[in-house]
């Protein structure tokens, strides 16, 4: 049932990622857009960073390909990892910080290490803080082993914390420490440390033939119990049986660790009732003169420490740049600090560290750790070194050692655990830090001088460029002036030609106008003559008409007069006739 839930969880994560890509174009990342981290004959690693735009959670994906008979070198996980096996077969060996309740099919040794045979289609999860490596099986068909892994960048404890990458190479974490620290911590010669520290770095995947299971070294010596949470089986880390109390005193009872080099005690909610509802722990470390807390890291906790007495040196290794390579793109750098009473120093999780006292003074500090409930420090050097839980052949490949004897000597020489003797280590580290600081100051001075020289050269170059620019501008102005004068001359010539053409055109126009006016005048003269002739003819016609009308009027008047005379004559005749008739008609006796 647990395996089924894990598979469903992984598939849900993959589905959500795919849904995010399909649902929002800004998170679409094509195969050719992957960032290649490593490519070699034994395999390759490429990465993609995506963001769930619905919830704001960021994820880091890795695509790991291994050739048959290859080894993915041991790493420390900084984040929970869920992966899917796409092809091939391999075995993963890992050490978890805590016990897992997973029911997946696995092989588990008596000392706490686990190994799982992986095949195509498997889905599995490793918790943050886990150390693991992968060995691919030989394949007759040369099938490559491929896994697709997803890391929740903002998982676990505090999403505001800086993300230090998916994992750190174990060998690089060791190489990050000062040579003297490694020499004393592992109890080996300077030559052996140098051969390990300055060996040529190998790619994350190297050729490796998986040995027979019967030859596998037993993972024992109790280190797992001290780092994965079995305090009842450790002898040196927990010599006393703690019981939960309402108060606690660092100086009462037996320390967790105590030897001639100092002692250390840590408490969590299991010892102090007041810490029951808050995931914060407390600790105290007392280093005698010439001692050190062995190189170690916290997989889940950030330590905040206050120096209560004495002084000492603190070296912190950056997990993303453990060998101290300086590039302008890497802000995280290895650090060495001298601290004294009252000082506060902070070591984030995943940062390997060591605290060292001087030969003439003790070094005591008390502090608090976040996420203390599930945090178990993991040590690199000493009898309790986590490196002892890794196969010697694997370490030989990881450290590029000439043979496994070197690795065996590296791990078996130091018999002390946790708190180690380290005479003059703080002084040497101080001198080295001062020398490095001097070198940094000298480099800074040279950089400043170079910067000033570059600025001076840039200023001169700028002045020369300005002078050249002014000359170029003057030349350009002169050229423009000449061009303007030439253009004006050309325009003047064109204007004169246009004026001459216009004058000739005007003359032609004037001649044409005069000809038109002359023709018009002649036409008008002709029209005037015709009009006068027409008027004369009209006048004559009118006179003739008037004369004719007068003659007609005269004839009509004569006719009327003649008619009037004839009418009077007729009237007179009629009157005379009437009188005659009257006379003829009067009776003889006359009228009565």
Foldseek 3Di string as FASTA:
>chain_A
DLQVVLVVVVVVVVVLLVCQVVVDVVFPADPVRWAWDDDDPFWTKTKDKGANVVVGWIKIKMKTKGWAQKKQFKKAFLFKKKKAKAAAKKKKKKAALADDPHPDDWDAAPARITMDIDGHGHIDMGGHGMIMMMGGHDDPVRMMTIMMMMGGQCDDDHSVDDRQDGIFHPLLLLLLDDLLLLCQQLVHDSVLSCLLNVPDADPSMGRHHDDDPVPFDHQHLCLSCQRNPVVVPDCAQQVDDAAADQDDDCPPDDASHDDPQWGKHKDACRRHVVRVVFQKIKMKTKGFAQKKQFWWFKRAKKKKKAWAAAKWKKKKARRNCSNADDDPVDPDGIDMDIDHHGDIDMHGGPIIMMIGHHNVTMTMMMIMMGNNPSIRMAGCGASSHPCSSDTLVSVCVRSVPPDSVSVVSSHPNHHGPRMGGGYCPRVVVVVVVVVVVVVVVVVVVVVVVVVVVVVVVVVVVVVVVVVVVVVVVVVVVVVVVVVVVVVVVVVVVVVVVVVVVVVVVVVVVVVVVVVVVVVVVVVVVVVVVVVVVVVVVVVVVVVVVVVVVVVVVVVVVVVVVVVVVVVVVVVVVVVVVVVVVVVVVADPVGDD
